[in-house]
Amino acid sequence: MSLSTHVLDTCRGEPAADVPVTLQRLGQYGWSTVATGTTDADGRLRDWVPAEQWLPGRYGLRFDVAAYQGLGSFFPEVTIVFDVADTVRHLHLPLLLSKFGYTTYRGS
């Protein structure tokens, strides 16, 4: 399985570069970090979690929005919680940011 994300600053109409992102997995004793990364100049983060680390279960993708310099956001962090049943399929989870809101969806 693979995971990618694309963070876009909808206030400025451009990619959100250098956003710290943390992938966590929910286990028996709470959340544990699986991987960390930072969006590139195009606001993308891809191929950052080795395929063998994916197990079926619940995951959280945490975006440190406060660290992003282009946007003084009301929301200092955004966490997208999702379930993985098929560890072969590719997941793409875009995040559209604005100063007072955000949107996400399952992309392709």
N, C-alpha and C. Protein backbone atom coordinates (compact mmCIF):
# COMPACT_ATOMS: atom_id res chain seq x y z
N MET A 1 0.83 -1.17 0.00
CA MET A 1 0.00 0.00 0.00
C MET A 1 0.88 1.24 0.00
N SER A 2 0.34 2.30 -0.50
CA SER A 2 1.05 3.58 -0.47
C SER A 2 0.07 4.69 -0.10
N LEU A 3 0.63 5.77 0.43
CA LEU A 3 -0.16 6.92 0.86
C LEU A 3 0.49 8.18 0.33
N SER A 4 -0.33 9.07 -0.20
CA SER A 4 0.17 10.38 -0.61
C SER A 4 -0.81 11.44 -0.13
N THR A 5 -0.30 12.66 -0.01
CA THR A 5 -1.15 13.79 0.34
C THR A 5 -0.70 15.00 -0.46
N HIS A 6 -1.58 15.98 -0.58
CA HIS A 6 -1.30 17.20 -1.31
C HIS A 6 -1.98 18.32 -0.54
N VAL A 7 -1.19 19.25 0.00
CA VAL A 7 -1.73 20.34 0.80
C VAL A 7 -1.72 21.61 -0.05
N LEU A 8 -2.90 22.22 -0.15
CA LEU A 8 -3.05 23.44 -0.95
C LEU A 8 -3.56 24.57 -0.07
N ASP A 9 -2.95 25.74 -0.21
CA ASP A 9 -3.36 26.95 0.49
C ASP A 9 -4.38 27.65 -0.41
N THR A 10 -5.66 27.53 -0.07
CA THR A 10 -6.71 28.09 -0.94
C THR A 10 -6.83 29.60 -0.78
N CYS A 11 -6.25 30.20 0.27
CA CYS A 11 -6.24 31.66 0.41
C CYS A 11 -5.27 32.29 -0.59
N ARG A 12 -4.14 31.65 -0.77
CA ARG A 12 -3.12 32.17 -1.68
C ARG A 12 -3.19 31.54 -3.06
N GLY A 13 -3.93 30.45 -3.17
CA GLY A 13 -4.05 29.78 -4.47
C GLY A 13 -2.78 29.09 -4.90
N GLU A 14 -2.07 28.49 -3.95
CA GLU A 14 -0.82 27.81 -4.28
C GLU A 14 -0.57 26.65 -3.32
N PRO A 15 0.39 25.79 -3.66
CA PRO A 15 0.70 24.66 -2.78
C PRO A 15 1.25 25.15 -1.44
N ALA A 16 1.02 24.37 -0.40
CA ALA A 16 1.55 24.67 0.93
C ALA A 16 2.82 23.83 1.14
N ALA A 17 3.96 24.46 0.96
CA ALA A 17 5.25 23.78 1.10
C ALA A 17 5.68 23.75 2.56
N ASP A 18 6.48 22.77 2.89
CA ASP A 18 7.13 22.65 4.20
C ASP A 18 6.15 22.48 5.37
N VAL A 19 5.04 21.79 5.13
CA VAL A 19 4.10 21.47 6.21
C VAL A 19 4.52 20.14 6.83
N PRO A 20 4.84 20.12 8.12
CA PRO A 20 5.17 18.85 8.78
C PRO A 20 3.93 17.95 8.87
N VAL A 21 4.11 16.67 8.55
CA VAL A 21 3.01 15.71 8.56
C VAL A 21 3.46 14.48 9.35
N THR A 22 2.56 13.97 10.18
CA THR A 22 2.84 12.77 10.98
C THR A 22 1.75 11.75 10.72
N LEU A 23 2.15 10.52 10.41
CA LEU A 23 1.20 9.42 10.27
C LEU A 23 1.25 8.61 11.55
N GLN A 24 0.07 8.37 12.14
CA GLN A 24 -0.03 7.58 13.36
C GLN A 24 -0.99 6.42 13.15
N ARG A 25 -0.77 5.35 13.93
CA ARG A 25 -1.65 4.19 13.89
C ARG A 25 -2.21 3.98 15.30
N LEU A 26 -3.50 3.68 15.37
CA LEU A 26 -4.14 3.41 16.66
C LEU A 26 -3.95 1.94 17.01
N GLY A 27 -3.31 1.71 18.13
CA GLY A 27 -3.08 0.35 18.60
C GLY A 27 -3.78 0.09 19.92
N GLN A 28 -3.48 -1.00 20.51
CA GLN A 28 -4.10 -1.42 21.76
C GLN A 28 -3.89 -0.40 22.89
N TYR A 29 -2.75 0.29 22.88
CA TYR A 29 -2.41 1.22 23.96
C TYR A 29 -2.43 2.68 23.51
N GLY A 30 -3.12 2.98 22.43
CA GLY A 30 -3.21 4.36 21.96
C GLY A 30 -2.50 4.55 20.63
N TRP A 31 -2.24 5.81 20.30
CA TRP A 31 -1.64 6.17 19.02
C TRP A 31 -0.13 6.05 19.07
N SER A 32 0.46 5.55 17.98
CA SER A 32 1.91 5.50 17.85
C SER A 32 2.29 6.04 16.48
N THR A 33 3.45 6.69 16.42
CA THR A 33 3.91 7.29 15.17
C THR A 33 4.47 6.22 14.25
N VAL A 34 4.00 6.24 13.00
CA VAL A 34 4.46 5.32 11.96
C VAL A 34 5.53 5.99 11.11
N ALA A 35 5.30 7.27 10.75
CA ALA A 35 6.22 7.99 9.89
C ALA A 35 6.00 9.49 10.03
N THR A 36 7.03 10.25 9.71
CA THR A 36 6.92 11.70 9.66
C THR A 36 7.51 12.18 8.34
N GLY A 37 7.06 13.33 7.90
CA GLY A 37 7.57 13.89 6.66
C GLY A 37 7.17 15.35 6.55
N THR A 38 7.59 15.98 5.46
CA THR A 38 7.29 17.38 5.20
C THR A 38 6.90 17.53 3.74
N THR A 39 5.89 18.34 3.48
CA THR A 39 5.47 18.53 2.09
C THR A 39 6.57 19.22 1.29
N ASP A 40 6.66 18.87 0.01
CA ASP A 40 7.67 19.45 -0.87
C ASP A 40 7.20 20.81 -1.40
N ALA A 41 7.94 21.39 -2.33
CA ALA A 41 7.62 22.71 -2.88
C ALA A 41 6.27 22.74 -3.57
N ASP A 42 5.80 21.58 -4.04
CA ASP A 42 4.49 21.48 -4.68
C ASP A 42 3.40 21.11 -3.68
N GLY A 43 3.72 21.10 -2.39
CA GLY A 43 2.74 20.76 -1.35
C GLY A 43 2.45 19.28 -1.24
N ARG A 44 3.29 18.45 -1.85
CA ARG A 44 3.03 17.01 -1.89
C ARG A 44 3.97 16.23 -0.97
N LEU A 45 3.44 15.12 -0.50
CA LEU A 45 4.23 14.15 0.25
C LEU A 45 3.78 12.78 -0.23
N ARG A 46 4.72 12.02 -0.80
CA ARG A 46 4.36 10.72 -1.38
C ARG A 46 5.48 9.71 -1.14
N ASP A 47 5.11 8.45 -1.18
CA ASP A 47 6.07 7.36 -1.04
C ASP A 47 6.95 7.51 0.19
N TRP A 48 6.36 7.85 1.31
CA TRP A 48 7.13 8.11 2.53
C TRP A 48 6.93 7.05 3.60
N VAL A 49 6.01 6.11 3.36
CA VAL A 49 5.77 5.03 4.31
C VAL A 49 6.03 3.71 3.59
N PRO A 50 7.00 2.91 4.03
CA PRO A 50 7.27 1.63 3.38
C PRO A 50 6.03 0.73 3.38
N ALA A 51 5.81 0.04 2.29
CA ALA A 51 4.61 -0.80 2.12
C ALA A 51 4.45 -1.83 3.22
N GLU A 52 5.57 -2.36 3.72
CA GLU A 52 5.48 -3.41 4.73
C GLU A 52 5.02 -2.89 6.10
N GLN A 53 4.99 -1.58 6.29
CA GLN A 53 4.53 -1.02 7.57
C GLN A 53 3.01 -0.92 7.66
N TRP A 54 2.32 -1.11 6.55
CA TRP A 54 0.86 -0.98 6.54
C TRP A 54 0.18 -2.24 7.05
N LEU A 55 -0.69 -2.05 8.00
CA LEU A 55 -1.54 -3.12 8.53
C LEU A 55 -2.98 -2.61 8.50
N PRO A 56 -3.96 -3.49 8.41
CA PRO A 56 -5.34 -3.02 8.52
C PRO A 56 -5.53 -2.34 9.88
N GLY A 57 -6.32 -1.27 9.89
CA GLY A 57 -6.58 -0.59 11.16
C GLY A 57 -6.92 0.87 10.97
N ARG A 58 -6.88 1.60 12.07
CA ARG A 58 -7.22 3.02 12.08
C ARG A 58 -5.94 3.84 12.13
N TYR A 59 -5.90 4.87 11.28
CA TYR A 59 -4.74 5.74 11.15
C TYR A 59 -5.15 7.20 11.29
N GLY A 60 -4.19 8.02 11.65
CA GLY A 60 -4.39 9.46 11.71
C GLY A 60 -3.27 10.16 10.97
N LEU A 61 -3.63 11.10 10.12
CA LEU A 61 -2.67 11.90 9.37
C LEU A 61 -2.74 13.31 9.96
N ARG A 62 -1.69 13.71 10.68
CA ARG A 62 -1.68 14.99 11.39
C ARG A 62 -0.83 16.01 10.65
N PHE A 63 -1.43 17.15 10.36
CA PHE A 63 -0.76 18.24 9.66
C PHE A 63 -0.49 19.36 10.66
N ASP A 64 0.77 19.77 10.80
CA ASP A 64 1.13 20.86 11.71
C ASP A 64 0.95 22.18 10.97
N VAL A 65 -0.27 22.66 10.94
CA VAL A 65 -0.61 23.86 10.17
C VAL A 65 0.07 25.09 10.77
N ALA A 66 0.24 25.13 12.09
CA ALA A 66 0.88 26.28 12.74
C ALA A 66 2.31 26.49 12.24
N ALA A 67 2.97 25.43 11.82
CA ALA A 67 4.35 25.53 11.32
C ALA A 67 4.41 26.07 9.89
N TYR A 68 3.27 26.06 9.20
CA TYR A 68 3.23 26.56 7.82
C TYR A 68 3.25 28.08 7.85
N GLN A 69 4.21 28.68 7.20
CA GLN A 69 4.42 30.13 7.28
C GLN A 69 3.47 30.97 6.43
N GLY A 70 2.78 30.38 5.49
CA GLY A 70 1.96 31.16 4.57
C GLY A 70 0.57 31.48 5.07
N LEU A 71 0.18 30.96 6.23
CA LEU A 71 -1.22 31.06 6.64
C LEU A 71 -1.31 31.16 8.15
N GLY A 72 -1.85 32.28 8.65
CA GLY A 72 -2.14 32.39 10.08
C GLY A 72 -3.48 31.73 10.32
N SER A 73 -3.47 30.49 10.71
CA SER A 73 -4.69 29.70 10.75
C SER A 73 -5.33 29.67 12.13
N PHE A 74 -6.65 29.64 12.16
CA PHE A 74 -7.41 29.45 13.38
C PHE A 74 -7.21 28.03 13.92
N PHE A 75 -6.93 27.10 13.02
CA PHE A 75 -6.69 25.71 13.37
C PHE A 75 -5.18 25.43 13.34
N PRO A 76 -4.53 25.26 14.50
CA PRO A 76 -3.08 25.04 14.50
C PRO A 76 -2.67 23.67 13.98
N GLU A 77 -3.58 22.71 14.03
CA GLU A 77 -3.29 21.39 13.46
C GLU A 77 -4.58 20.80 12.91
N VAL A 78 -4.40 19.94 11.94
CA VAL A 78 -5.52 19.21 11.33
C VAL A 78 -5.15 17.74 11.37
N THR A 79 -6.06 16.92 11.89
CA THR A 79 -5.84 15.48 11.89
C THR A 79 -6.98 14.81 11.14
N ILE A 80 -6.62 14.02 10.14
CA ILE A 80 -7.58 13.25 9.36
C ILE A 80 -7.47 11.81 9.83
N VAL A 81 -8.55 11.28 10.38
CA VAL A 81 -8.57 9.90 10.87
C VAL A 81 -9.27 9.05 9.82
N PHE A 82 -8.65 7.92 9.46
CA PHE A 82 -9.21 7.07 8.42
C PHE A 82 -8.91 5.61 8.73
N ASP A 83 -9.70 4.73 8.15
CA ASP A 83 -9.53 3.29 8.33
C ASP A 83 -8.95 2.65 7.08
N VAL A 84 -8.04 1.71 7.28
CA VAL A 84 -7.43 0.95 6.20
C VAL A 84 -7.86 -0.50 6.33
N ALA A 85 -8.53 -1.00 5.31
CA ALA A 85 -8.91 -2.41 5.27
C ALA A 85 -8.09 -3.16 4.22
N ASP A 86 -7.81 -2.48 3.11
CA ASP A 86 -7.09 -3.06 1.98
C ASP A 86 -5.68 -2.49 1.97
N THR A 87 -4.68 -3.28 2.34
CA THR A 87 -3.31 -2.78 2.41
C THR A 87 -2.57 -2.88 1.09
N VAL A 88 -3.29 -3.11 0.01
CA VAL A 88 -2.67 -3.16 -1.32
C VAL A 88 -2.98 -1.87 -2.09
N ARG A 89 -4.09 -1.28 -1.81
CA ARG A 89 -4.59 -0.12 -2.55
C ARG A 89 -3.84 1.17 -2.18
N HIS A 90 -3.73 2.09 -3.15
CA HIS A 90 -3.13 3.40 -2.91
C HIS A 90 -4.17 4.35 -2.31
N LEU A 91 -3.75 5.14 -1.32
CA LEU A 91 -4.62 6.16 -0.75
C LEU A 91 -4.02 7.53 -1.02
N HIS A 92 -4.87 8.47 -1.44
CA HIS A 92 -4.47 9.86 -1.62
C HIS A 92 -5.43 10.72 -0.81
N LEU A 93 -4.90 11.48 0.15
CA LEU A 93 -5.72 12.31 1.02
C LEU A 93 -5.28 13.77 0.91
N PRO A 94 -5.91 14.54 0.02
CA PRO A 94 -5.59 15.95 -0.11
C PRO A 94 -6.14 16.76 1.06
N LEU A 95 -5.49 17.89 1.34
CA LEU A 95 -5.96 18.82 2.36
C LEU A 95 -5.96 20.22 1.76
N LEU A 96 -7.12 20.85 1.75
CA LEU A 96 -7.26 22.22 1.26
C LEU A 96 -7.39 23.13 2.48
N LEU A 97 -6.45 24.07 2.63
CA LEU A 97 -6.41 24.93 3.80
C LEU A 97 -6.86 26.34 3.48
N SER A 98 -7.58 26.94 4.41
CA SER A 98 -7.82 28.38 4.39
C SER A 98 -7.67 28.86 5.83
N LYS A 99 -7.76 30.16 6.04
CA LYS A 99 -7.50 30.71 7.37
C LYS A 99 -8.47 30.19 8.43
N PHE A 100 -9.73 30.02 8.07
CA PHE A 100 -10.74 29.61 9.04
C PHE A 100 -11.43 28.30 8.70
N GLY A 101 -10.79 27.47 7.90
CA GLY A 101 -11.41 26.19 7.58
C GLY A 101 -10.47 25.30 6.79
N TYR A 102 -10.92 24.08 6.60
CA TYR A 102 -10.18 23.12 5.79
C TYR A 102 -11.14 22.09 5.23
N THR A 103 -10.72 21.46 4.14
CA THR A 103 -11.52 20.43 3.48
C THR A 103 -10.59 19.28 3.11
N THR A 104 -11.12 18.08 3.19
CA THR A 104 -10.36 16.91 2.76
C THR A 104 -11.31 15.94 2.08
N TYR A 105 -10.76 15.01 1.34
CA TYR A 105 -11.54 13.98 0.66
C TYR A 105 -10.59 12.86 0.29
N ARG A 106 -11.15 11.72 -0.08
CA ARG A 106 -10.33 10.62 -0.57
C ARG A 106 -10.12 10.81 -2.06
N GLY A 107 -8.91 11.09 -2.43
CA GLY A 107 -8.59 11.31 -3.84
C GLY A 107 -8.20 10.01 -4.52
N SER A 108 -7.58 10.16 -5.68
CA SER A 108 -7.17 8.98 -6.45
C SER A 108 -5.69 9.03 -6.75
